N, C-alpha and C. Protein backbone atom coordinates (compact mmCIF):
# COMPACT_ATOMS: atom_id res chain seq x y z
N MET A 1 -0.18 25.82 -11.48
CA MET A 1 -1.53 25.29 -11.58
C MET A 1 -1.43 23.76 -11.64
N THR A 2 -2.22 23.07 -10.85
CA THR A 2 -2.15 21.61 -10.83
C THR A 2 -2.87 21.04 -12.04
N ILE A 3 -2.60 19.80 -12.29
CA ILE A 3 -3.25 19.08 -13.38
C ILE A 3 -4.76 19.13 -13.20
N LEU A 4 -5.23 18.87 -11.97
CA LEU A 4 -6.67 18.84 -11.73
C LEU A 4 -7.32 20.19 -11.92
N ARG A 5 -6.68 21.25 -11.49
CA ARG A 5 -7.28 22.57 -11.62
C ARG A 5 -7.44 22.95 -13.09
N ARG A 6 -6.59 22.45 -13.98
CA ARG A 6 -6.75 22.72 -15.40
C ARG A 6 -7.90 21.93 -15.99
N LEU A 7 -8.18 20.74 -15.43
CA LEU A 7 -9.18 19.85 -16.01
C LEU A 7 -10.56 19.99 -15.41
N ILE A 8 -10.63 20.34 -14.14
CA ILE A 8 -11.91 20.34 -13.44
C ILE A 8 -12.19 21.75 -12.93
N PRO A 9 -13.26 22.38 -13.40
CA PRO A 9 -13.58 23.73 -12.94
C PRO A 9 -13.82 23.77 -11.43
N ALA A 10 -13.53 24.91 -10.83
CA ALA A 10 -13.71 25.09 -9.39
C ALA A 10 -15.15 24.86 -8.95
N ALA A 11 -16.09 25.03 -9.85
CA ALA A 11 -17.50 24.91 -9.49
C ALA A 11 -17.94 23.45 -9.34
N THR A 12 -17.04 22.49 -9.52
CA THR A 12 -17.46 21.09 -9.45
C THR A 12 -16.71 20.30 -8.38
N PRO A 13 -16.67 20.78 -7.13
CA PRO A 13 -15.95 20.03 -6.10
C PRO A 13 -16.53 18.65 -5.84
N VAL A 14 -17.85 18.49 -6.00
CA VAL A 14 -18.46 17.18 -5.79
C VAL A 14 -17.95 16.20 -6.84
N ALA A 15 -17.79 16.66 -8.07
CA ALA A 15 -17.27 15.79 -9.13
C ALA A 15 -15.87 15.32 -8.81
N VAL A 16 -15.06 16.19 -8.24
CA VAL A 16 -13.69 15.81 -7.86
C VAL A 16 -13.74 14.68 -6.84
N LEU A 17 -14.61 14.81 -5.85
CA LEU A 17 -14.72 13.78 -4.82
C LEU A 17 -15.24 12.47 -5.40
N VAL A 18 -16.19 12.54 -6.31
CA VAL A 18 -16.73 11.34 -6.91
C VAL A 18 -15.67 10.63 -7.74
N VAL A 19 -14.92 11.38 -8.55
CA VAL A 19 -13.92 10.78 -9.42
C VAL A 19 -12.75 10.23 -8.62
N LEU A 20 -12.29 10.97 -7.62
CA LEU A 20 -11.07 10.59 -6.93
C LEU A 20 -11.31 9.75 -5.68
N GLY A 21 -12.20 10.21 -4.81
CA GLY A 21 -12.48 9.50 -3.58
C GLY A 21 -11.23 9.19 -2.78
N PHE A 22 -11.36 8.30 -1.84
CA PHE A 22 -10.21 7.83 -1.07
C PHE A 22 -9.59 6.63 -1.76
N ALA A 23 -8.28 6.48 -1.61
CA ALA A 23 -7.62 5.28 -2.13
C ALA A 23 -8.15 4.09 -1.36
N SER A 24 -8.45 3.03 -2.09
CA SER A 24 -8.97 1.85 -1.42
C SER A 24 -8.43 0.61 -2.11
N ALA A 25 -8.48 -0.49 -1.42
CA ALA A 25 -7.99 -1.75 -1.97
C ALA A 25 -9.19 -2.63 -2.30
N PRO A 26 -9.51 -2.77 -3.58
CA PRO A 26 -10.63 -3.63 -3.93
C PRO A 26 -10.35 -5.07 -3.51
N ALA A 27 -11.41 -5.83 -3.27
CA ALA A 27 -11.25 -7.21 -2.85
C ALA A 27 -10.48 -8.01 -3.92
N ARG A 28 -10.73 -7.74 -5.17
CA ARG A 28 -10.03 -8.42 -6.27
C ARG A 28 -9.43 -7.35 -7.16
N ALA A 29 -8.13 -7.20 -7.11
CA ALA A 29 -7.46 -6.18 -7.90
C ALA A 29 -6.31 -6.80 -8.68
N ASP A 30 -5.95 -6.16 -9.77
CA ASP A 30 -4.84 -6.64 -10.59
C ASP A 30 -3.66 -5.71 -10.36
N TRP A 31 -2.90 -5.98 -9.30
CA TRP A 31 -1.73 -5.19 -8.95
C TRP A 31 -0.53 -5.72 -9.72
N VAL A 32 0.11 -4.87 -10.51
CA VAL A 32 1.29 -5.25 -11.29
C VAL A 32 2.52 -4.66 -10.61
N ARG A 33 3.49 -5.51 -10.34
CA ARG A 33 4.71 -5.07 -9.66
C ARG A 33 5.54 -4.20 -10.59
N VAL A 34 5.96 -3.05 -10.08
CA VAL A 34 6.78 -2.10 -10.83
C VAL A 34 8.24 -2.23 -10.46
N GLY A 35 8.52 -2.44 -9.17
CA GLY A 35 9.90 -2.55 -8.73
C GLY A 35 10.01 -2.59 -7.23
N GLU A 36 11.24 -2.48 -6.77
CA GLU A 36 11.55 -2.56 -5.35
C GLU A 36 12.64 -1.54 -5.04
N ASN A 37 12.53 -0.90 -3.88
CA ASN A 37 13.59 0.04 -3.49
C ASN A 37 14.66 -0.68 -2.69
N GLN A 38 15.69 0.06 -2.28
CA GLN A 38 16.82 -0.55 -1.57
C GLN A 38 16.43 -1.13 -0.22
N ALA A 39 15.36 -0.61 0.38
CA ALA A 39 14.90 -1.12 1.67
C ALA A 39 14.11 -2.43 1.53
N GLY A 40 13.79 -2.81 0.28
CA GLY A 40 13.02 -4.03 0.04
C GLY A 40 11.52 -3.79 -0.07
N ASP A 41 11.09 -2.52 -0.03
CA ASP A 41 9.67 -2.20 -0.21
C ASP A 41 9.31 -2.45 -1.67
N ARG A 42 8.18 -3.13 -1.90
CA ARG A 42 7.74 -3.47 -3.27
C ARG A 42 6.63 -2.52 -3.73
N TYR A 43 6.75 -2.04 -4.96
CA TYR A 43 5.84 -1.04 -5.53
C TYR A 43 5.01 -1.67 -6.64
N HIS A 44 3.69 -1.38 -6.63
CA HIS A 44 2.75 -1.94 -7.60
C HIS A 44 1.81 -0.86 -8.11
N VAL A 45 1.23 -1.10 -9.29
CA VAL A 45 0.16 -0.25 -9.85
C VAL A 45 -1.05 -1.15 -10.08
N GLU A 46 -2.21 -0.65 -9.72
CA GLU A 46 -3.47 -1.39 -9.89
C GLU A 46 -4.01 -1.06 -11.28
N ILE A 47 -3.71 -1.90 -12.26
CA ILE A 47 -3.98 -1.55 -13.67
C ILE A 47 -5.45 -1.66 -14.07
N ASP A 48 -6.26 -2.41 -13.35
CA ASP A 48 -7.68 -2.53 -13.71
C ASP A 48 -8.46 -1.25 -13.49
N GLN A 49 -7.96 -0.35 -12.64
CA GLN A 49 -8.71 0.85 -12.31
C GLN A 49 -8.09 2.14 -12.84
N VAL A 50 -7.08 2.04 -13.71
CA VAL A 50 -6.50 3.26 -14.30
C VAL A 50 -7.57 3.92 -15.15
N THR A 51 -7.77 5.21 -14.95
CA THR A 51 -8.82 5.96 -15.65
C THR A 51 -8.23 7.21 -16.27
N GLU A 52 -8.52 7.42 -17.55
CA GLU A 52 -8.09 8.65 -18.21
C GLU A 52 -9.18 9.70 -17.98
N ILE A 53 -8.80 10.84 -17.39
CA ILE A 53 -9.79 11.88 -17.08
C ILE A 53 -9.61 13.11 -17.96
N GLY A 54 -8.65 13.07 -18.84
CA GLY A 54 -8.38 14.17 -19.76
C GLY A 54 -7.36 13.69 -20.77
N ASP A 55 -7.02 14.53 -21.71
CA ASP A 55 -6.07 14.15 -22.75
C ASP A 55 -4.70 13.86 -22.13
N GLY A 56 -4.40 12.58 -21.97
CA GLY A 56 -3.11 12.18 -21.42
C GLY A 56 -3.00 12.32 -19.91
N VAL A 57 -4.12 12.53 -19.23
CA VAL A 57 -4.11 12.66 -17.77
C VAL A 57 -4.86 11.46 -17.19
N VAL A 58 -4.21 10.76 -16.26
CA VAL A 58 -4.78 9.54 -15.70
C VAL A 58 -4.86 9.60 -14.18
N VAL A 59 -5.82 8.84 -13.65
CA VAL A 59 -5.92 8.61 -12.21
C VAL A 59 -5.58 7.14 -12.00
N PHE A 60 -4.71 6.86 -11.02
CA PHE A 60 -4.34 5.48 -10.76
C PHE A 60 -3.93 5.30 -9.29
N ASP A 61 -4.00 4.04 -8.85
CA ASP A 61 -3.62 3.69 -7.49
C ASP A 61 -2.31 2.93 -7.50
N THR A 62 -1.50 3.20 -6.48
CA THR A 62 -0.27 2.43 -6.28
C THR A 62 -0.33 1.77 -4.91
N LEU A 63 0.38 0.69 -4.78
CA LEU A 63 0.46 -0.03 -3.52
C LEU A 63 1.93 -0.22 -3.19
N ILE A 64 2.31 0.13 -1.98
CA ILE A 64 3.65 -0.15 -1.49
C ILE A 64 3.51 -1.19 -0.39
N SER A 65 4.17 -2.31 -0.57
CA SER A 65 4.21 -3.36 0.43
C SER A 65 5.54 -3.21 1.16
N PHE A 66 5.49 -2.76 2.41
CA PHE A 66 6.71 -2.48 3.15
C PHE A 66 7.41 -3.77 3.57
N ALA A 67 8.73 -3.77 3.44
CA ALA A 67 9.53 -4.93 3.86
C ALA A 67 9.44 -5.10 5.38
N GLU A 68 9.36 -3.98 6.10
CA GLU A 68 9.18 -3.99 7.55
C GLU A 68 8.06 -3.04 7.91
N ALA A 69 7.31 -3.36 8.93
CA ALA A 69 6.19 -2.51 9.35
C ALA A 69 6.70 -1.10 9.68
N GLU A 70 5.89 -0.12 9.32
CA GLU A 70 6.18 1.28 9.65
C GLU A 70 5.95 1.49 11.15
N PRO A 71 6.45 2.60 11.72
CA PRO A 71 6.21 2.88 13.14
C PRO A 71 4.71 2.89 13.50
N SER A 72 3.86 3.26 12.56
CA SER A 72 2.41 3.28 12.81
C SER A 72 1.80 1.89 12.84
N GLY A 73 2.57 0.88 12.41
CA GLY A 73 2.05 -0.48 12.31
C GLY A 73 1.63 -0.84 10.90
N ALA A 74 1.67 0.13 9.99
CA ALA A 74 1.26 -0.12 8.60
C ALA A 74 2.25 -1.04 7.90
N VAL A 75 1.70 -1.97 7.12
CA VAL A 75 2.53 -2.84 6.29
C VAL A 75 2.26 -2.60 4.80
N VAL A 76 1.19 -1.87 4.51
CA VAL A 76 0.81 -1.55 3.13
C VAL A 76 0.36 -0.10 3.08
N LEU A 77 0.76 0.59 2.01
CA LEU A 77 0.30 1.96 1.75
C LEU A 77 -0.28 2.00 0.35
N ILE A 78 -1.49 2.53 0.23
CA ILE A 78 -2.12 2.71 -1.08
C ILE A 78 -2.28 4.20 -1.32
N ASP A 79 -1.75 4.66 -2.44
CA ASP A 79 -1.84 6.07 -2.83
C ASP A 79 -2.68 6.19 -4.09
N ARG A 80 -3.43 7.27 -4.21
CA ARG A 80 -4.13 7.60 -5.46
C ARG A 80 -3.43 8.82 -6.04
N PHE A 81 -3.07 8.71 -7.31
CA PHE A 81 -2.35 9.76 -8.01
C PHE A 81 -3.12 10.22 -9.24
N VAL A 82 -2.90 11.48 -9.61
CA VAL A 82 -3.30 12.01 -10.91
C VAL A 82 -2.00 12.38 -11.61
N ALA A 83 -1.81 11.87 -12.82
CA ALA A 83 -0.55 12.10 -13.53
C ALA A 83 -0.80 12.56 -14.95
N ASP A 84 0.09 13.40 -15.43
CA ASP A 84 0.08 13.83 -16.83
C ASP A 84 1.10 12.97 -17.57
N CYS A 85 0.63 12.16 -18.49
CA CYS A 85 1.49 11.22 -19.22
C CYS A 85 2.52 11.93 -20.09
N ARG A 86 2.21 13.13 -20.53
CA ARG A 86 3.12 13.86 -21.43
C ARG A 86 4.26 14.52 -20.68
N THR A 87 4.02 14.98 -19.46
CA THR A 87 5.04 15.74 -18.73
C THR A 87 5.65 14.99 -17.56
N HIS A 88 5.11 13.79 -17.27
CA HIS A 88 5.57 13.00 -16.13
C HIS A 88 5.44 13.77 -14.82
N THR A 89 4.40 14.58 -14.72
CA THR A 89 4.11 15.25 -13.45
C THR A 89 2.97 14.50 -12.76
N VAL A 90 2.99 14.56 -11.44
CA VAL A 90 2.06 13.75 -10.67
C VAL A 90 1.61 14.52 -9.43
N THR A 91 0.36 14.30 -9.04
CA THR A 91 -0.20 14.85 -7.82
C THR A 91 -0.77 13.70 -7.00
N ASN A 92 -0.37 13.60 -5.74
CA ASN A 92 -0.92 12.60 -4.83
C ASN A 92 -2.19 13.20 -4.24
N VAL A 93 -3.33 12.53 -4.46
CA VAL A 93 -4.61 13.11 -4.01
C VAL A 93 -5.20 12.43 -2.78
N SER A 94 -4.76 11.20 -2.49
CA SER A 94 -5.22 10.54 -1.27
C SER A 94 -4.34 9.34 -0.98
N TRP A 95 -4.39 8.88 0.27
CA TRP A 95 -3.63 7.71 0.66
C TRP A 95 -4.32 7.01 1.82
N ALA A 96 -4.00 5.74 1.97
CA ALA A 96 -4.50 4.96 3.09
C ALA A 96 -3.46 3.91 3.42
N SER A 97 -3.23 3.68 4.72
CA SER A 97 -2.30 2.64 5.13
C SER A 97 -3.05 1.59 5.93
N TYR A 98 -2.57 0.35 5.80
CA TYR A 98 -3.23 -0.80 6.41
C TYR A 98 -2.24 -1.63 7.20
N GLY A 99 -2.73 -2.23 8.29
CA GLY A 99 -1.90 -3.09 9.13
C GLY A 99 -1.89 -4.52 8.60
N PRO A 100 -1.19 -5.41 9.30
CA PRO A 100 -1.09 -6.80 8.85
C PRO A 100 -2.43 -7.53 8.85
N ASP A 101 -3.39 -7.06 9.62
CA ASP A 101 -4.73 -7.66 9.65
C ASP A 101 -5.67 -7.01 8.64
N GLN A 102 -5.14 -6.19 7.73
CA GLN A 102 -5.86 -5.44 6.71
C GLN A 102 -6.78 -4.37 7.28
N ALA A 103 -6.60 -4.05 8.55
CA ALA A 103 -7.38 -2.97 9.17
C ALA A 103 -6.75 -1.63 8.79
N LEU A 104 -7.61 -0.65 8.56
CA LEU A 104 -7.13 0.69 8.23
C LEU A 104 -6.35 1.26 9.40
N VAL A 105 -5.14 1.77 9.11
CA VAL A 105 -4.31 2.41 10.14
C VAL A 105 -4.52 3.92 10.08
N GLU A 106 -4.34 4.51 8.89
CA GLU A 106 -4.51 5.95 8.67
C GLU A 106 -4.96 6.17 7.24
N ALA A 107 -5.62 7.31 7.00
CA ALA A 107 -6.01 7.69 5.64
C ALA A 107 -6.20 9.19 5.58
N ASP A 108 -6.02 9.76 4.40
CA ASP A 108 -6.21 11.19 4.26
C ASP A 108 -6.39 11.54 2.78
N SER A 109 -7.12 12.61 2.54
CA SER A 109 -7.18 13.24 1.23
C SER A 109 -6.24 14.43 1.29
N LEU A 110 -5.60 14.73 0.20
CA LEU A 110 -4.60 15.79 0.18
C LEU A 110 -5.10 16.97 -0.64
N PRO A 111 -4.63 18.17 -0.33
CA PRO A 111 -5.03 19.34 -1.12
C PRO A 111 -4.51 19.19 -2.56
N LEU A 112 -5.26 19.73 -3.49
CA LEU A 112 -4.91 19.61 -4.90
C LEU A 112 -3.95 20.72 -5.32
N VAL A 113 -2.84 20.86 -4.62
CA VAL A 113 -1.94 21.97 -4.90
C VAL A 113 -0.53 21.56 -5.29
N GLU A 114 -0.08 20.39 -4.91
CA GLU A 114 1.30 20.02 -5.16
C GLU A 114 1.43 19.06 -6.33
N THR A 115 2.06 19.52 -7.39
CA THR A 115 2.38 18.68 -8.53
C THR A 115 3.89 18.55 -8.57
N GLN A 116 4.35 17.32 -8.74
CA GLN A 116 5.78 17.07 -8.75
C GLN A 116 6.18 16.35 -10.03
N ALA A 117 7.39 16.61 -10.49
CA ALA A 117 7.94 15.89 -11.63
C ALA A 117 8.49 14.55 -11.15
N ALA A 118 8.32 13.53 -11.95
CA ALA A 118 8.88 12.21 -11.63
C ALA A 118 10.09 11.99 -12.54
N PRO A 119 11.30 12.12 -12.00
CA PRO A 119 12.50 11.98 -12.84
C PRO A 119 12.60 10.60 -13.49
N ASP A 120 13.13 10.55 -14.69
CA ASP A 120 13.35 9.28 -15.38
C ASP A 120 14.18 8.35 -14.51
N GLY A 121 13.85 7.07 -14.56
CA GLY A 121 14.60 6.07 -13.82
C GLY A 121 14.12 5.85 -12.40
N THR A 122 13.14 6.63 -11.94
CA THR A 122 12.62 6.45 -10.58
C THR A 122 11.44 5.49 -10.58
N LEU A 123 11.13 4.94 -9.42
CA LEU A 123 9.95 4.08 -9.32
C LEU A 123 8.68 4.84 -9.66
N MET A 124 8.60 6.13 -9.27
CA MET A 124 7.41 6.92 -9.59
C MET A 124 7.25 7.06 -11.10
N ALA A 125 8.35 7.29 -11.82
CA ALA A 125 8.29 7.39 -13.28
C ALA A 125 7.83 6.06 -13.88
N ALA A 126 8.30 4.95 -13.33
CA ALA A 126 7.87 3.63 -13.82
C ALA A 126 6.39 3.41 -13.56
N GLU A 127 5.89 3.87 -12.40
CA GLU A 127 4.46 3.74 -12.10
C GLU A 127 3.63 4.56 -13.08
N ILE A 128 4.07 5.78 -13.36
CA ILE A 128 3.36 6.64 -14.32
C ILE A 128 3.37 5.99 -15.70
N ASP A 129 4.53 5.49 -16.14
CA ASP A 129 4.63 4.84 -17.45
C ASP A 129 3.67 3.67 -17.57
N LEU A 130 3.59 2.84 -16.53
CA LEU A 130 2.68 1.70 -16.56
C LEU A 130 1.22 2.14 -16.61
N ALA A 131 0.86 3.11 -15.78
CA ALA A 131 -0.52 3.61 -15.78
C ALA A 131 -0.88 4.20 -17.13
N CYS A 132 0.02 4.99 -17.71
CA CYS A 132 -0.25 5.62 -18.99
C CYS A 132 -0.33 4.59 -20.12
N ALA A 133 0.54 3.59 -20.09
CA ALA A 133 0.50 2.54 -21.10
C ALA A 133 -0.81 1.74 -21.02
N THR A 134 -1.35 1.60 -19.82
CA THR A 134 -2.60 0.87 -19.62
C THR A 134 -3.76 1.49 -20.40
N VAL A 135 -3.74 2.83 -20.55
CA VAL A 135 -4.81 3.51 -21.29
C VAL A 135 -4.35 3.94 -22.68
N GLY A 136 -3.20 3.44 -23.13
CA GLY A 136 -2.77 3.69 -24.50
C GLY A 136 -1.91 4.92 -24.71
N HIS A 137 -1.24 5.41 -23.68
CA HIS A 137 -0.36 6.58 -23.84
C HIS A 137 1.08 6.19 -23.65
């Protein structure tokens, strides 16, 4: 059972869309750098928009700034995640990629079925830790 299915009854699909929506890049955002992978891609969390939607469960956006453009032409990827601060599990609920001119390249909402553990020491675990600390967890 996913984090969202435990928190949001099946009868409220509109509420899910309102709360989660598509990942987007606000004109003025406070992106905090979390780290960098071996390829030189830089990872950030947008701390101004972290929202707690349940006891220890948060919604947050991440931004990956690619060191080199992806085959699609994307230079930035923004993901929206729902994470459980207690278990370090995370569900990716939407994403959007942007080109160097900030034009949308691709975007999608994902089914609410896949929850994954974020192992300690990974960039994903660091992103979850930062998002959870932002709301006091």
